[in-house]
Amino acid sequence: MEANKKWLAIPEEHRKKLIANVFCRSCMDAVTITDFIITDHPMGVMLEGKCKNCGSKVVRVVEMDE
């Protein structure tokens, strides 16, 4: 729950940009993350999901000031 609160505290436009800019090691490019879950991370929150293009697992850590 705490991770979701942190995520929702980010303005919607910024969240959209973060979702659309995740690095995929299979595609070797920035991609959109899909089917993601939000978890706590020591630096902020972490998005864990799939690459929209190839379906590989992708992860994005969003650093946040506490």
N, C-alpha and C. Protein backbone atom coordinates (compact mmCIF):
# COMPACT_ATOMS: atom_id res chain seq x y z
N MET A 1 0.82 -1.20 0.00
CA MET A 1 0.00 0.00 0.00
C MET A 1 0.86 1.26 0.00
N GLU A 2 1.93 1.26 0.76
CA GLU A 2 2.79 2.44 0.85
C GLU A 2 3.40 2.78 -0.51
N ALA A 3 3.82 1.77 -1.25
CA ALA A 3 4.41 2.00 -2.56
C ALA A 3 3.40 2.65 -3.50
N ASN A 4 2.16 2.19 -3.44
CA ASN A 4 1.12 2.75 -4.30
C ASN A 4 0.85 4.21 -3.94
N LYS A 5 0.87 4.55 -2.67
CA LYS A 5 0.67 5.93 -2.24
C LYS A 5 1.79 6.82 -2.79
N LYS A 6 3.03 6.32 -2.70
CA LYS A 6 4.17 7.08 -3.23
C LYS A 6 4.01 7.28 -4.74
N TRP A 7 3.61 6.23 -5.44
CA TRP A 7 3.45 6.30 -6.89
C TRP A 7 2.37 7.31 -7.27
N LEU A 8 1.26 7.28 -6.57
CA LEU A 8 0.15 8.19 -6.88
C LEU A 8 0.46 9.63 -6.49
N ALA A 9 1.47 9.84 -5.65
CA ALA A 9 1.88 11.19 -5.28
C ALA A 9 2.62 11.89 -6.43
N ILE A 10 3.09 11.11 -7.40
CA ILE A 10 3.75 11.66 -8.58
C ILE A 10 2.67 12.19 -9.52
N PRO A 11 2.84 13.39 -10.06
CA PRO A 11 1.83 13.91 -11.00
C PRO A 11 1.59 12.94 -12.17
N GLU A 12 0.35 12.85 -12.61
CA GLU A 12 -0.05 11.89 -13.63
C GLU A 12 0.79 11.98 -14.91
N GLU A 13 1.07 13.18 -15.38
CA GLU A 13 1.87 13.35 -16.60
C GLU A 13 3.27 12.76 -16.44
N HIS A 14 3.85 12.94 -15.26
CA HIS A 14 5.18 12.39 -14.99
C HIS A 14 5.12 10.86 -14.93
N ARG A 15 4.06 10.32 -14.30
CA ARG A 15 3.90 8.85 -14.24
C ARG A 15 3.81 8.26 -15.65
N LYS A 16 3.06 8.93 -16.54
CA LYS A 16 2.93 8.44 -17.91
C LYS A 16 4.29 8.40 -18.60
N LYS A 17 5.10 9.43 -18.38
CA LYS A 17 6.44 9.46 -18.99
C LYS A 17 7.33 8.35 -18.44
N LEU A 18 7.23 8.08 -17.15
CA LEU A 18 8.02 7.01 -16.55
C LEU A 18 7.61 5.64 -17.10
N ILE A 19 6.32 5.42 -17.25
CA ILE A 19 5.81 4.15 -17.78
C ILE A 19 6.27 3.94 -19.22
N ALA A 20 6.39 5.01 -19.98
CA ALA A 20 6.76 4.92 -21.40
C ALA A 20 8.27 4.97 -21.62
N ASN A 21 9.06 4.97 -20.54
CA ASN A 21 10.50 5.09 -20.68
C ASN A 21 11.23 4.11 -19.76
N VAL A 22 11.08 2.83 -20.06
CA VAL A 22 11.72 1.76 -19.29
C VAL A 22 12.66 1.02 -20.23
N PHE A 23 13.88 0.72 -19.77
CA PHE A 23 14.84 0.06 -20.64
C PHE A 23 14.59 -1.45 -20.69
N CYS A 24 14.53 -1.99 -21.90
CA CYS A 24 14.38 -3.43 -22.11
C CYS A 24 15.71 -3.99 -22.62
N ARG A 25 16.24 -4.98 -21.92
CA ARG A 25 17.52 -5.58 -22.30
C ARG A 25 17.39 -6.42 -23.57
N SER A 26 16.22 -6.93 -23.84
CA SER A 26 16.03 -7.72 -25.07
C SER A 26 15.93 -6.82 -26.29
N CYS A 27 15.18 -5.75 -26.17
CA CYS A 27 15.01 -4.81 -27.30
C CYS A 27 16.18 -3.83 -27.41
N MET A 28 16.94 -3.69 -26.31
CA MET A 28 18.04 -2.73 -26.24
C MET A 28 17.56 -1.31 -26.55
N ASP A 29 16.41 -0.97 -25.97
CA ASP A 29 15.82 0.34 -26.22
C ASP A 29 14.86 0.69 -25.07
N ALA A 30 14.46 1.95 -25.05
CA ALA A 30 13.44 2.39 -24.10
C ALA A 30 12.08 1.95 -24.62
N VAL A 31 11.27 1.36 -23.74
CA VAL A 31 9.97 0.81 -24.13
C VAL A 31 8.92 1.22 -23.10
N THR A 32 7.70 0.84 -23.37
CA THR A 32 6.60 1.03 -22.42
C THR A 32 6.46 -0.24 -21.60
N ILE A 33 6.30 -0.07 -20.28
CA ILE A 33 6.10 -1.22 -19.39
C ILE A 33 4.60 -1.50 -19.30
N THR A 34 4.24 -2.80 -19.34
CA THR A 34 2.84 -3.20 -19.21
C THR A 34 2.72 -4.22 -18.08
N ASP A 35 1.50 -4.46 -17.66
CA ASP A 35 1.20 -5.47 -16.62
C ASP A 35 2.14 -5.33 -15.42
N PHE A 36 2.35 -4.10 -14.97
CA PHE A 36 3.33 -3.90 -13.91
C PHE A 36 2.70 -3.84 -12.53
N ILE A 37 3.53 -4.18 -11.55
CA ILE A 37 3.16 -4.02 -10.14
C ILE A 37 4.12 -3.00 -9.55
N ILE A 38 3.68 -2.36 -8.50
CA ILE A 38 4.46 -1.32 -7.84
C ILE A 38 4.84 -1.84 -6.46
N THR A 39 6.15 -1.83 -6.17
CA THR A 39 6.63 -2.29 -4.88
C THR A 39 7.55 -1.24 -4.28
N ASP A 40 7.71 -1.31 -2.96
CA ASP A 40 8.64 -0.41 -2.28
C ASP A 40 10.06 -0.75 -2.66
N HIS A 41 10.91 0.26 -2.69
CA HIS A 41 12.33 0.10 -2.98
C HIS A 41 13.05 1.09 -2.08
N PRO A 42 14.25 0.77 -1.62
CA PRO A 42 14.98 1.70 -0.74
C PRO A 42 15.13 3.11 -1.31
N MET A 43 15.16 3.24 -2.62
CA MET A 43 15.31 4.55 -3.26
C MET A 43 13.97 5.22 -3.57
N GLY A 44 12.86 4.50 -3.45
CA GLY A 44 11.54 5.04 -3.77
C GLY A 44 10.55 3.93 -4.04
N VAL A 45 10.21 3.75 -5.33
CA VAL A 45 9.32 2.66 -5.73
C VAL A 45 9.91 1.94 -6.94
N MET A 46 9.48 0.71 -7.14
CA MET A 46 9.96 -0.08 -8.27
C MET A 46 8.76 -0.59 -9.06
N LEU A 47 8.83 -0.43 -10.38
CA LEU A 47 7.82 -0.97 -11.28
C LEU A 47 8.39 -2.25 -11.87
N GLU A 48 7.67 -3.34 -11.73
CA GLU A 48 8.08 -4.62 -12.30
C GLU A 48 6.98 -5.09 -13.24
N GLY A 49 7.35 -5.32 -14.51
CA GLY A 49 6.34 -5.73 -15.47
C GLY A 49 6.95 -6.30 -16.73
N LYS A 50 6.26 -6.11 -17.85
CA LYS A 50 6.68 -6.68 -19.13
C LYS A 50 6.89 -5.58 -20.16
N CYS A 51 7.80 -5.86 -21.08
CA CYS A 51 8.04 -4.98 -22.21
C CYS A 51 6.83 -5.06 -23.14
N LYS A 52 6.34 -3.91 -23.57
CA LYS A 52 5.19 -3.87 -24.48
C LYS A 52 5.53 -4.50 -25.83
N ASN A 53 6.81 -4.40 -26.24
CA ASN A 53 7.20 -4.89 -27.56
C ASN A 53 7.45 -6.39 -27.61
N CYS A 54 8.23 -6.92 -26.65
CA CYS A 54 8.64 -8.32 -26.75
C CYS A 54 8.15 -9.21 -25.60
N GLY A 55 7.61 -8.60 -24.55
CA GLY A 55 7.09 -9.38 -23.43
C GLY A 55 8.12 -9.78 -22.38
N SER A 56 9.38 -9.37 -22.57
CA SER A 56 10.42 -9.68 -21.58
C SER A 56 10.16 -8.93 -20.28
N LYS A 57 10.70 -9.46 -19.19
CA LYS A 57 10.58 -8.80 -17.90
C LYS A 57 11.40 -7.51 -17.92
N VAL A 58 10.79 -6.43 -17.44
CA VAL A 58 11.49 -5.15 -17.31
C VAL A 58 11.21 -4.58 -15.92
N VAL A 59 12.16 -3.78 -15.44
CA VAL A 59 12.05 -3.18 -14.12
C VAL A 59 12.49 -1.72 -14.21
N ARG A 60 11.81 -0.87 -13.47
CA ARG A 60 12.20 0.55 -13.41
C ARG A 60 12.13 0.98 -11.96
N VAL A 61 13.23 1.54 -11.45
CA VAL A 61 13.24 2.12 -10.11
C VAL A 61 13.01 3.62 -10.26
N VAL A 62 12.05 4.11 -9.51
CA VAL A 62 11.75 5.54 -9.52
C VAL A 62 12.24 6.09 -8.19
N GLU A 63 13.30 6.89 -8.25
CA GLU A 63 13.86 7.47 -7.03
C GLU A 63 12.97 8.60 -6.54
N MET A 64 12.80 8.64 -5.22
CA MET A 64 11.94 9.65 -4.62
C MET A 64 12.59 10.18 -3.35
N ASP A 65 12.38 11.46 -3.09
CA ASP A 65 12.81 12.05 -1.83
C ASP A 65 11.79 11.69 -0.76
N GLU A 66 12.28 11.27 0.35
CA GLU A 66 11.38 10.88 1.44
C GLU A 66 11.10 12.06 2.34
